[in-house]
PDB file of N, CA and C in Angstrom:
ATOM      1  N   UNK A   1       8.471 -23.172 -53.604  1.00  0.00           N
ATOM      2  CA  UNK A   1       7.023 -23.210 -53.485  1.00  0.00           C
ATOM      3  C   UNK A   1       6.585 -24.157 -52.375  1.00  0.00           C
ATOM      4  N   UNK A   2       7.260 -25.284 -52.295  1.00  0.00           N
ATOM      5  CA  UNK A   2       6.941 -26.271 -51.277  1.00  0.00           C
ATOM      6  C   UNK A   2       7.155 -25.711 -49.872  1.00  0.00           C
ATOM      7  N   UNK A   3       8.272 -24.997 -49.679  1.00  0.00           N
ATOM      8  CA  UNK A   3       8.584 -24.418 -48.374  1.00  0.00           C
ATOM      9  C   UNK A   3       7.570 -23.346 -47.993  1.00  0.00           C
ATOM     10  N   UNK A   4       7.079 -22.607 -48.971  1.00  0.00           N
ATOM     11  CA  UNK A   4       6.078 -21.562 -48.718  1.00  0.00           C
ATOM     12  C   UNK A   4       4.763 -22.179 -48.231  1.00  0.00           C
ATOM     13  N   UNK A   5       4.347 -23.266 -48.866  1.00  0.00           N
ATOM     14  CA  UNK A   5       3.097 -23.944 -48.458  1.00  0.00           C
ATOM     15  C   UNK A   5       3.212 -24.521 -47.067  1.00  0.00           C
ATOM     16  N   UNK A   6       4.362 -25.082 -46.742  1.00  0.00           N
ATOM     17  CA  UNK A   6       4.574 -25.646 -45.404  1.00  0.00           C
ATOM     18  C   UNK A   6       4.555 -24.541 -44.357  1.00  0.00           C
ATOM     19  N   UNK A   7       5.144 -23.412 -44.650  1.00  0.00           N
ATOM     20  CA  UNK A   7       5.169 -22.295 -43.710  1.00  0.00           C
ATOM     21  C   UNK A   7       3.759 -21.763 -43.449  1.00  0.00           C
ATOM     22  N   UNK A   8       2.939 -21.698 -44.476  1.00  0.00           N
ATOM     23  CA  UNK A   8       1.558 -21.230 -44.306  1.00  0.00           C
ATOM     24  C   UNK A   8       0.753 -22.221 -43.476  1.00  0.00           C
ATOM     25  N   UNK A   9       0.933 -23.509 -43.724  1.00  0.00           N
ATOM     26  CA  UNK A   9       0.212 -24.528 -42.954  1.00  0.00           C
ATOM     27  C   UNK A   9       0.616 -24.540 -41.487  1.00  0.00           C
ATOM     28  N   UNK A  10       1.854 -24.223 -41.191  1.00  0.00           N
ATOM     29  CA  UNK A  10       2.320 -24.192 -39.802  1.00  0.00           C
ATOM     30  C   UNK A  10       1.702 -23.031 -39.034  1.00  0.00           C
ATOM     31  N   UNK A  11       1.301 -21.997 -39.739  1.00  0.00           N
ATOM     32  CA  UNK A  11       0.693 -20.840 -39.081  1.00  0.00           C
ATOM     33  C   UNK A  11      -0.761 -21.082 -38.679  1.00  0.00           C
ATOM     34  N   UNK A  12      -1.419 -22.043 -39.308  1.00  0.00           N
ATOM     35  CA  UNK A  12      -2.813 -22.328 -39.015  1.00  0.00           C
ATOM     36  C   UNK A  12      -2.943 -23.195 -37.767  1.00  0.00           C
ATOM     37  N   UNK A  13      -3.939 -22.930 -36.944  1.00  0.00           N
ATOM     38  CA  UNK A  13      -4.137 -23.801 -35.777  1.00  0.00           C
ATOM     39  C   UNK A  13      -4.662 -25.161 -36.236  1.00  0.00           C
ATOM     40  N   UNK A  14      -4.109 -26.204 -35.677  1.00  0.00           N
ATOM     41  CA  UNK A  14      -4.492 -27.543 -36.094  1.00  0.00           C
ATOM     42  C   UNK A  14      -5.581 -28.133 -35.198  1.00  0.00           C
ATOM     43  N   UNK A  15      -5.698 -27.646 -33.982  1.00  0.00           N
ATOM     44  CA  UNK A  15      -6.727 -28.160 -33.072  1.00  0.00           C
ATOM     45  C   UNK A  15      -7.490 -27.000 -32.470  1.00  0.00           C
ATOM     46  N   UNK A  16      -8.714 -27.270 -32.132  1.00  0.00           N
ATOM     47  CA  UNK A  16      -9.528 -26.254 -31.456  1.00  0.00           C
ATOM     48  C   UNK A  16      -9.173 -26.256 -29.972  1.00  0.00           C
ATOM     49  N   UNK A  17      -9.144 -25.091 -29.389  1.00  0.00           N
ATOM     50  CA  UNK A  17      -8.819 -24.966 -27.979  1.00  0.00           C
ATOM     51  C   UNK A  17     -10.103 -25.053 -27.181  1.00  0.00           C
ATOM     52  N   UNK A  18     -10.187 -26.023 -26.303  1.00  0.00           N
ATOM     53  CA  UNK A  18     -11.367 -26.206 -25.472  1.00  0.00           C
ATOM     54  C   UNK A  18     -11.023 -25.827 -24.032  1.00  0.00           C
ATOM     55  N   UNK A  19     -12.013 -25.406 -23.296  1.00  0.00           N
ATOM     56  CA  UNK A  19     -11.797 -25.050 -21.908  1.00  0.00           C
ATOM     57  C   UNK A  19     -12.144 -26.244 -21.020  1.00  0.00           C
ATOM     58  N   UNK A  20     -11.481 -26.359 -19.857  1.00  0.00           N
ATOM     59  CA  UNK A  20     -11.773 -27.477 -18.952  1.00  0.00           C
ATOM     60  C   UNK A  20     -13.103 -27.266 -18.229  1.00  0.00           C
ATOM     61  N   UNK A  21     -13.783 -28.367 -17.949  1.00  0.00           N
ATOM     62  CA  UNK A  21     -15.069 -28.328 -17.247  1.00  0.00           C
ATOM     63  C   UNK A  21     -14.983 -29.255 -16.050  1.00  0.00           C
ATOM     64  N   UNK A  22     -15.211 -28.701 -14.858  1.00  0.00           N
ATOM     65  CA  UNK A  22     -15.253 -29.482 -13.624  1.00  0.00           C
ATOM     66  C   UNK A  22     -16.703 -29.613 -13.182  1.00  0.00           C
ATOM     67  N   UNK A  23     -17.106 -30.833 -12.805  1.00  0.00           N
ATOM     68  CA  UNK A  23     -18.476 -31.080 -12.360  1.00  0.00           C
ATOM     69  C   UNK A  23     -18.452 -31.651 -10.958  1.00  0.00           C
ATOM     70  N   UNK A  24     -19.217 -31.029 -10.076  1.00  0.00           N
ATOM     71  CA  UNK A  24     -19.418 -31.531  -8.716  1.00  0.00           C
ATOM     72  C   UNK A  24     -20.835 -32.082  -8.662  1.00  0.00           C
ATOM     73  N   UNK A  25     -20.954 -33.407  -8.503  1.00  0.00           N
ATOM     74  CA  UNK A  25     -22.246 -34.080  -8.612  1.00  0.00           C
ATOM     75  C   UNK A  25     -22.734 -34.525  -7.242  1.00  0.00           C
ATOM     76  N   UNK A  26     -23.998 -34.197  -6.936  1.00  0.00           N
ATOM     77  CA  UNK A  26     -24.656 -34.635  -5.710  1.00  0.00           C
ATOM     78  C   UNK A  26     -26.039 -35.142  -6.091  1.00  0.00           C
ATOM     79  N   UNK A  27     -26.206 -36.459  -6.118  1.00  0.00           N
ATOM     80  CA  UNK A  27     -27.486 -37.058  -6.500  1.00  0.00           C
ATOM     81  C   UNK A  27     -27.985 -37.916  -5.341  1.00  0.00           C
ATOM     82  N   UNK A  28     -29.229 -37.687  -4.944  1.00  0.00           N
ATOM     83  CA  UNK A  28     -29.832 -38.424  -3.842  1.00  0.00           C
ATOM     84  C   UNK A  28     -31.027 -39.216  -4.351  1.00  0.00           C
ATOM     85  N   UNK A  29     -30.900 -40.530  -4.386  1.00  0.00           N
ATOM     86  CA  UNK A  29     -32.021 -41.382  -4.742  1.00  0.00           C
ATOM     87  C   UNK A  29     -32.341 -41.481  -6.219  1.00  0.00           C
ATOM     88  N   UNK A  30     -31.459 -40.999  -7.091  1.00  0.00           N
ATOM     89  CA  UNK A  30     -31.696 -41.103  -8.531  1.00  0.00           C
ATOM     90  C   UNK A  30     -30.450 -41.666  -9.212  1.00  0.00           C
ATOM     91  N   UNK A  31     -30.657 -42.357 -10.316  1.00  0.00           N
ATOM     92  CA  UNK A  31     -29.554 -42.870 -11.120  1.00  0.00           C
ATOM     93  C   UNK A  31     -29.369 -41.898 -12.282  1.00  0.00           C
ATOM     94  N   UNK A  32     -28.473 -40.947 -12.078  1.00  0.00           N
ATOM     95  CA  UNK A  32     -28.297 -39.865 -13.035  1.00  0.00           C
ATOM     96  C   UNK A  32     -26.855 -39.833 -13.510  1.00  0.00           C
ATOM     97  N   UNK A  33     -26.682 -39.619 -14.793  1.00  0.00           N
ATOM     98  CA  UNK A  33     -25.363 -39.466 -15.388  1.00  0.00           C
ATOM     99  C   UNK A  33     -25.365 -38.184 -16.216  1.00  0.00           C
ATOM    100  N   UNK A  34     -24.185 -37.690 -16.560  1.00  0.00           N
ATOM    101  CA  UNK A  34     -24.100 -36.429 -17.303  1.00  0.00           C
ATOM    102  C   UNK A  34     -23.012 -36.497 -18.362  1.00  0.00           C
ATOM    103  N   UNK A  35     -23.133 -35.616 -19.337  1.00  0.00           N
ATOM    104  CA  UNK A  35     -22.109 -35.390 -20.354  1.00  0.00           C
ATOM    105  C   UNK A  35     -21.991 -33.890 -20.545  1.00  0.00           C
ATOM    106  N   UNK A  36     -20.761 -33.362 -20.471  1.00  0.00           N
ATOM    107  CA  UNK A  36     -20.551 -31.926 -20.627  1.00  0.00           C
ATOM    108  C   UNK A  36     -20.042 -31.607 -22.024  1.00  0.00           C
ATOM    109  N   UNK A  37     -20.331 -30.380 -22.465  1.00  0.00           N
ATOM    110  CA  UNK A  37     -19.922 -29.915 -23.791  1.00  0.00           C
ATOM    111  C   UNK A  37     -19.421 -28.474 -23.694  1.00  0.00           C
ATOM    112  N   UNK A  38     -18.377 -28.168 -24.443  1.00  0.00           N
ATOM    113  CA  UNK A  38     -17.935 -26.780 -24.590  1.00  0.00           C
ATOM    114  C   UNK A  38     -18.481 -26.284 -25.926  1.00  0.00           C
ATOM    115  N   UNK A  39     -19.721 -25.860 -25.902  1.00  0.00           N
ATOM    116  CA  UNK A  39     -20.474 -25.517 -27.104  1.00  0.00           C
ATOM    117  C   UNK A  39     -19.837 -24.370 -27.883  1.00  0.00           C
ATOM    118  N   UNK A  40     -19.522 -23.294 -27.207  1.00  0.00           N
ATOM    119  CA  UNK A  40     -18.891 -22.126 -27.829  1.00  0.00           C
ATOM    120  C   UNK A  40     -17.970 -21.496 -26.801  1.00  0.00           C
ATOM    121  N   UNK A  41     -17.270 -20.438 -27.185  1.00  0.00           N
ATOM    122  CA  UNK A  41     -16.305 -19.817 -26.275  1.00  0.00           C
ATOM    123  C   UNK A  41     -16.981 -19.187 -25.060  1.00  0.00           C
ATOM    124  N   UNK A  42     -18.290 -18.873 -25.146  1.00  0.00           N
ATOM    125  CA  UNK A  42     -18.989 -18.249 -24.026  1.00  0.00           C
ATOM    126  C   UNK A  42     -20.248 -19.016 -23.604  1.00  0.00           C
ATOM    127  N   UNK A  43     -20.412 -20.247 -24.088  1.00  0.00           N
ATOM    128  CA  UNK A  43     -21.590 -21.062 -23.756  1.00  0.00           C
ATOM    129  C   UNK A  43     -21.124 -22.421 -23.245  1.00  0.00           C
ATOM    130  N   UNK A  44     -21.646 -22.800 -22.102  1.00  0.00           N
ATOM    131  CA  UNK A  44     -21.379 -24.126 -21.564  1.00  0.00           C
ATOM    132  C   UNK A  44     -22.674 -24.911 -21.514  1.00  0.00           C
ATOM    133  N   UNK A  45     -22.594 -26.231 -21.686  1.00  0.00           N
ATOM    134  CA  UNK A  45     -23.806 -27.040 -21.649  1.00  0.00           C
ATOM    135  C   UNK A  45     -23.518 -28.401 -21.042  1.00  0.00           C
ATOM    136  N   UNK A  46     -24.580 -29.004 -20.521  1.00  0.00           N
ATOM    137  CA  UNK A  46     -24.503 -30.315 -19.906  1.00  0.00           C
ATOM    138  C   UNK A  46     -25.778 -31.072 -20.269  1.00  0.00           C
ATOM    139  N   UNK A  47     -25.644 -32.360 -20.535  1.00  0.00           N
ATOM    140  CA  UNK A  47     -26.785 -33.218 -20.800  1.00  0.00           C
ATOM    141  C   UNK A  47     -26.955 -34.147 -19.614  1.00  0.00           C
ATOM    142  N   UNK A  48     -28.148 -34.146 -19.030  1.00  0.00           N
ATOM    143  CA  UNK A  48     -28.463 -34.998 -17.885  1.00  0.00           C
ATOM    144  C   UNK A  48     -29.263 -36.198 -18.367  1.00  0.00           C
ATOM    145  N   UNK A  49     -28.824 -37.397 -18.022  1.00  0.00           N
ATOM    146  CA  UNK A  49     -29.504 -38.637 -18.401  1.00  0.00           C
ATOM    147  C   UNK A  49     -29.998 -39.332 -17.132  1.00  0.00           C
ATOM    148  N   UNK A  50     -31.292 -39.567 -17.053  1.00  0.00           N
ATOM    149  CA  UNK A  50     -31.883 -40.243 -15.907  1.00  0.00           C
ATOM    150  C   UNK A  50     -32.114 -41.704 -16.282  1.00  0.00           C
ATOM    151  N   UNK A  51     -31.342 -42.608 -15.681  1.00  0.00           N
ATOM    152  CA  UNK A  51     -31.459 -44.033 -15.963  1.00  0.00           C
ATOM    153  C   UNK A  51     -32.335 -44.754 -14.943  1.00  0.00           C
ATOM    154  N   UNK A  52     -32.855 -44.042 -13.960  1.00  0.00           N
ATOM    155  CA  UNK A  52     -33.654 -44.648 -12.906  1.00  0.00           C
ATOM    156  C   UNK A  52     -35.123 -44.760 -13.259  1.00  0.00           C
ATOM    157  N   UNK A  53     -35.900 -45.216 -12.279  1.00  0.00           N
ATOM    158  CA  UNK A  53     -37.340 -45.401 -12.440  1.00  0.00           C
ATOM    159  C   UNK A  53     -38.154 -44.240 -11.874  1.00  0.00           C
ATOM    160  N   UNK A  54     -37.481 -43.276 -11.240  1.00  0.00           N
ATOM    161  CA  UNK A  54     -38.179 -42.130 -10.649  1.00  0.00           C
ATOM    162  C   UNK A  54     -37.689 -40.839 -11.303  1.00  0.00           C
ATOM    163  N   UNK A  55     -38.575 -39.840 -11.449  1.00  0.00           N
ATOM    164  CA  UNK A  55     -38.140 -38.547 -12.003  1.00  0.00           C
ATOM    165  C   UNK A  55     -37.231 -37.810 -11.018  1.00  0.00           C
ATOM    166  N   UNK A  56     -36.414 -36.924 -11.552  1.00  0.00           N
ATOM    167  CA  UNK A  56     -35.459 -36.177 -10.739  1.00  0.00           C
ATOM    168  C   UNK A  56     -35.675 -34.681 -10.895  1.00  0.00           C
ATOM    169  N   UNK A  57     -35.545 -33.960  -9.795  1.00  0.00           N
ATOM    170  CA  UNK A  57     -35.567 -32.493  -9.793  1.00  0.00           C
ATOM    171  C   UNK A  57     -34.128 -32.030  -9.589  1.00  0.00           C
ATOM    172  N   UNK A  58     -33.588 -31.304 -10.554  1.00  0.00           N
ATOM    173  CA  UNK A  58     -32.173 -30.933 -10.525  1.00  0.00           C
ATOM    174  C   UNK A  58     -31.982 -29.419 -10.518  1.00  0.00           C
ATOM    175  N   UNK A  59     -30.947 -29.010  -9.802  1.00  0.00           N
ATOM    176  CA  UNK A  59     -30.497 -27.621  -9.796  1.00  0.00           C
ATOM    177  C   UNK A  59     -29.067 -27.639 -10.342  1.00  0.00           C
ATOM    178  N   UNK A  60     -28.849 -26.944 -11.450  1.00  0.00           N
ATOM    179  CA  UNK A  60     -27.542 -26.908 -12.105  1.00  0.00           C
ATOM    180  C   UNK A  60     -27.003 -25.488 -11.990  1.00  0.00           C
ATOM    181  N   UNK A  61     -25.806 -25.347 -11.398  1.00  0.00           N
ATOM    182  CA  UNK A  61     -25.181 -24.042 -11.217  1.00  0.00           C
ATOM    183  C   UNK A  61     -23.909 -23.981 -12.051  1.00  0.00           C
ATOM    184  N   UNK A  62     -23.865 -23.031 -12.983  1.00  0.00           N
ATOM    185  CA  UNK A  62     -22.699 -22.821 -13.843  1.00  0.00           C
ATOM    186  C   UNK A  62     -21.903 -21.654 -13.274  1.00  0.00           C
ATOM    187  N   UNK A  63     -20.577 -21.840 -13.096  1.00  0.00           N
ATOM    188  CA  UNK A  63     -19.700 -20.769 -12.609  1.00  0.00           C
ATOM    189  C   UNK A  63     -18.542 -20.572 -13.578  1.00  0.00           C
ATOM    190  N   UNK A  64     -18.300 -19.311 -13.912  1.00  0.00           N
ATOM    191  CA  UNK A  64     -17.190 -18.948 -14.786  1.00  0.00           C
ATOM    192  C   UNK A  64     -16.457 -17.769 -14.165  1.00  0.00           C
ATOM    193  N   UNK A  65     -15.547 -18.058 -13.270  1.00  0.00           N
ATOM    194  CA  UNK A  65     -14.716 -17.015 -12.684  1.00  0.00           C
ATOM    195  C   UNK A  65     -15.504 -15.958 -11.939  1.00  0.00           C
ATOM    196  N   UNK A  66     -15.229 -14.674 -12.224  1.00  0.00           N
ATOM    197  CA  UNK A  66     -15.823 -13.599 -11.430  1.00  0.00           C
ATOM    198  C   UNK A  66     -17.278 -13.266 -11.772  1.00  0.00           C
ATOM    199  N   UNK A  67     -17.815 -13.846 -12.837  1.00  0.00           N
ATOM    200  CA  UNK A  67     -19.203 -13.542 -13.200  1.00  0.00           C
ATOM    201  C   UNK A  67     -20.174 -14.179 -12.212  1.00  0.00           C
ATOM    202  N   UNK A  68     -21.377 -13.642 -12.177  1.00  0.00           N
ATOM    203  CA  UNK A  68     -22.414 -14.204 -11.316  1.00  0.00           C
ATOM    204  C   UNK A  68     -22.772 -15.612 -11.794  1.00  0.00           C
ATOM    205  N   UNK A  69     -22.978 -16.538 -10.863  1.00  0.00           N
ATOM    206  CA  UNK A  69     -23.333 -17.902 -11.275  1.00  0.00           C
ATOM    207  C   UNK A  69     -24.673 -17.938 -11.992  1.00  0.00           C
ATOM    208  N   UNK A  70     -24.793 -18.819 -12.953  1.00  0.00           N
ATOM    209  CA  UNK A  70     -26.049 -19.028 -13.672  1.00  0.00           C
ATOM    210  C   UNK A  70     -26.689 -20.291 -13.105  1.00  0.00           C
ATOM    211  N   UNK A  71     -27.911 -20.182 -12.596  1.00  0.00           N
ATOM    212  CA  UNK A  71     -28.615 -21.312 -11.990  1.00  0.00           C
ATOM    213  C   UNK A  71     -29.768 -21.716 -12.899  1.00  0.00           C
ATOM    214  N   UNK A  72     -29.841 -23.007 -13.187  1.00  0.00           N
ATOM    215  CA  UNK A  72     -30.932 -23.568 -13.989  1.00  0.00           C
ATOM    216  C   UNK A  72     -31.575 -24.698 -13.194  1.00  0.00           C
ATOM    217  N   UNK A  73     -32.906 -24.708 -13.166  1.00  0.00           N
ATOM    218  CA  UNK A  73     -33.656 -25.780 -12.492  1.00  0.00           C
ATOM    219  C   UNK A  73     -34.423 -26.549 -13.557  1.00  0.00           C
ATOM    220  N   UNK A  74     -34.211 -27.874 -13.570  1.00  0.00           N
ATOM    221  CA  UNK A  74     -34.859 -28.725 -14.566  1.00  0.00           C
ATOM    222  C   UNK A  74     -35.398 -29.982 -13.895  1.00  0.00           C
ATOM    223  N   UNK A  75     -36.426 -30.544 -14.510  1.00  0.00           N
ATOM    224  CA  UNK A  75     -36.958 -31.837 -14.105  1.00  0.00           C
ATOM    225  C   UNK A  75     -36.610 -32.836 -15.201  1.00  0.00           C
ATOM    226  N   UNK A  76     -36.063 -33.982 -14.780  1.00  0.00           N
ATOM    227  CA  UNK A  76     -35.678 -35.024 -15.726  1.00  0.00           C
ATOM    228  C   UNK A  76     -36.575 -36.229 -15.472  1.00  0.00           C
ATOM    229  N   UNK A  77     -37.422 -36.550 -16.436  1.00  0.00           N
ATOM    230  CA  UNK A  77     -38.325 -37.687 -16.293  1.00  0.00           C
ATOM    231  C   UNK A  77     -37.531 -38.989 -16.290  1.00  0.00           C
ATOM    232  N   UNK A  78     -38.130 -40.041 -15.748  1.00  0.00           N
ATOM    233  CA  UNK A  78     -37.472 -41.345 -15.694  1.00  0.00           C
ATOM    234  C   UNK A  78     -37.206 -41.860 -17.108  1.00  0.00           C
ATOM    235  N   UNK A  79     -35.968 -42.266 -17.350  1.00  0.00           N
ATOM    236  CA  UNK A  79     -35.591 -42.793 -18.657  1.00  0.00           C
ATOM    237  C   UNK A  79     -35.391 -41.749 -19.735  1.00  0.00           C
ATOM    238  N   UNK A  80     -35.374 -40.492 -19.391  1.00  0.00           N
ATOM    239  CA  UNK A  80     -35.231 -39.406 -20.378  1.00  0.00           C
ATOM    240  C   UNK A  80     -33.934 -38.640 -20.145  1.00  0.00           C
ATOM    241  N   UNK A  81     -33.651 -37.704 -21.050  1.00  0.00           N
ATOM    242  CA  UNK A  81     -32.491 -36.828 -20.912  1.00  0.00           C
ATOM    243  C   UNK A  81     -32.899 -35.384 -21.189  1.00  0.00           C
ATOM    244  N   UNK A  82     -32.146 -34.459 -20.608  1.00  0.00           N
ATOM    245  CA  UNK A  82     -32.426 -33.027 -20.738  1.00  0.00           C
ATOM    246  C   UNK A  82     -31.107 -32.295 -20.979  1.00  0.00           C
ATOM    247  N   UNK A  83     -31.119 -31.330 -21.892  1.00  0.00           N
ATOM    248  CA  UNK A  83     -29.962 -30.478 -22.140  1.00  0.00           C
ATOM    249  C   UNK A  83     -30.130 -29.174 -21.370  1.00  0.00           C
ATOM    250  N   UNK A  84     -29.052 -28.743 -20.705  1.00  0.00           N
ATOM    251  CA  UNK A  84     -29.070 -27.506 -19.929  1.00  0.00           C
ATOM    252  C   UNK A  84     -27.883 -26.666 -20.398  1.00  0.00           C
ATOM    253  N   UNK A  85     -28.121 -25.391 -20.716  1.00  0.00           N
ATOM    254  CA  UNK A  85     -27.052 -24.509 -21.192  1.00  0.00           C
ATOM    255  C   UNK A  85     -27.024 -23.213 -20.389  1.00  0.00           C
ATOM    256  N   UNK A  86     -25.873 -22.560 -20.441  1.00  0.00           N
ATOM    257  CA  UNK A  86     -25.716 -21.250 -19.816  1.00  0.00           C
ATOM    258  C   UNK A  86     -24.821 -20.399 -20.705  1.00  0.00           C
ATOM    259  N   UNK A  87     -25.223 -19.154 -20.898  1.00  0.00           N
ATOM    260  CA  UNK A  87     -24.476 -18.208 -21.713  1.00  0.00           C
ATOM    261  C   UNK A  87     -23.826 -17.182 -20.784  1.00  0.00           C
ATOM    262  N   UNK A  88     -22.545 -16.897 -21.020  1.00  0.00           N
ATOM    263  CA  UNK A  88     -21.812 -15.932 -20.198  1.00  0.00           C
ATOM    264  C   UNK A  88     -21.438 -14.712 -21.026  1.00  0.00           C
ATOM    265  N   UNK A  89     -21.099 -13.623 -20.333  1.00  0.00           N
ATOM    266  CA  UNK A  89     -20.720 -12.380 -21.003  1.00  0.00           C
ATOM    267  C   UNK A  89     -19.267 -12.388 -21.455  1.00  0.00           C
ATOM    268  N   UNK A  90     -18.443 -13.206 -20.811  1.00  0.00           N
ATOM    269  CA  UNK A  90     -17.022 -13.272 -21.132  1.00  0.00           C
ATOM    270  C   UNK A  90     -16.664 -14.642 -21.683  1.00  0.00           C
ATOM    271  N   UNK A  91     -15.479 -14.739 -22.233  1.00  0.00           N
ATOM    272  CA  UNK A  91     -14.978 -16.024 -22.702  1.00  0.00           C
ATOM    273  C   UNK A  91     -14.723 -16.928 -21.505  1.00  0.00           C
ATOM    274  N   UNK A  92     -15.108 -18.186 -21.623  1.00  0.00           N
ATOM    275  CA  UNK A  92     -14.934 -19.142 -20.539  1.00  0.00           C
ATOM    276  C   UNK A  92     -13.500 -19.650 -20.552  1.00  0.00           C
ATOM    277  N   UNK A  93     -12.844 -19.552 -19.407  1.00  0.00           N
ATOM    278  CA  UNK A  93     -11.490 -20.078 -19.260  1.00  0.00           C
ATOM    279  C   UNK A  93     -11.560 -21.445 -18.580  1.00  0.00           C
ATOM    280  N   UNK A  94     -12.348 -21.529 -17.505  1.00  0.00           N
ATOM    281  CA  UNK A  94     -12.596 -22.787 -16.817  1.00  0.00           C
ATOM    282  C   UNK A  94     -14.026 -22.740 -16.297  1.00  0.00           C
ATOM    283  N   UNK A  95     -14.807 -23.752 -16.633  1.00  0.00           N
ATOM    284  CA  UNK A  95     -16.215 -23.802 -16.240  1.00  0.00           C
ATOM    285  C   UNK A  95     -16.379 -24.794 -15.103  1.00  0.00           C
ATOM    286  N   UNK A  96     -17.059 -24.348 -14.051  1.00  0.00           N
ATOM    287  CA  UNK A  96     -17.371 -25.209 -12.907  1.00  0.00           C
ATOM    288  C   UNK A  96     -18.881 -25.381 -12.845  1.00  0.00           C
ATOM    289  N   UNK A  97     -19.319 -26.637 -12.801  1.00  0.00           N
ATOM    290  CA  UNK A  97     -20.746 -26.940 -12.757  1.00  0.00           C
ATOM    291  C   UNK A  97     -21.045 -27.710 -11.479  1.00  0.00           C
ATOM    292  N   UNK A  98     -22.024 -27.220 -10.714  1.00  0.00           N
ATOM    293  CA  UNK A  98     -22.490 -27.927  -9.514  1.00  0.00           C
ATOM    294  C   UNK A  98     -23.853 -28.514  -9.857  1.00  0.00           C
ATOM    295  N   UNK A  99     -23.968 -29.824  -9.704  1.00  0.00           N
ATOM    296  CA  UNK A  99     -25.177 -30.560 -10.063  1.00  0.00           C
ATOM    297  C   UNK A  99     -25.780 -31.150  -8.797  1.00  0.00           C
ATOM    298  N   UNK A 100     -26.983 -30.730  -8.450  1.00  0.00           N
ATOM    299  CA  UNK A 100     -27.664 -31.196  -7.245  1.00  0.00           C
ATOM    300  C   UNK A 100     -29.032 -31.742  -7.641  1.00  0.00           C
ATOM    301  N   UNK A 101     -29.209 -33.063  -7.536  1.00  0.00           N
ATOM    302  CA  UNK A 101     -30.455 -33.708  -7.958  1.00  0.00           C
ATOM    303  C   UNK A 101     -31.047 -34.539  -6.841  1.00  0.00           C
ATOM    304  N   UNK A 102     -32.373 -34.508  -6.775  1.00  0.00           N
ATOM    305  CA  UNK A 102     -33.113 -35.289  -5.790  1.00  0.00           C
ATOM    306  C   UNK A 102     -34.284 -35.953  -6.470  1.00  0.00           C
ATOM    307  N   UNK A 103     -34.726 -37.074  -5.911  1.00  0.00           N
ATOM    308  CA  UNK A 103     -35.887 -37.775  -6.446  1.00  0.00           C
ATOM    309  C   UNK A 103     -37.135 -36.949  -6.153  1.00  0.00           C
ATOM    310  N   UNK A 104     -38.079 -36.948  -7.084  1.00  0.00           N
ATOM    311  CA  UNK A 104     -39.322 -36.197  -6.875  1.00  0.00           C
ATOM    312  C   UNK A 104     -40.325 -37.042  -6.136  1.00  0.00           C
TER     313      UNK A 104
END
């Protein structure tokens, strides 16, 4: 009985498989930081945190292989944070995010 339980437990996945996320950041005149998340197998998200004294206008481009890039434009007020997500038609294998922010 013990061997049977061990065999069943070995068949179960012990960790969730996450996809890698690469971020290319270009910020001009703003103090901006980010945190990325692999929300679901076909959804990628990033949280933008503005630590500066001026608001930022950001263009976030999500790329997942051969699919068309998803572009999101957001404004991040001074001292605030904004969540940005993109949904894809296929499972994400590797997500590339280009972050371009400028002071308003």
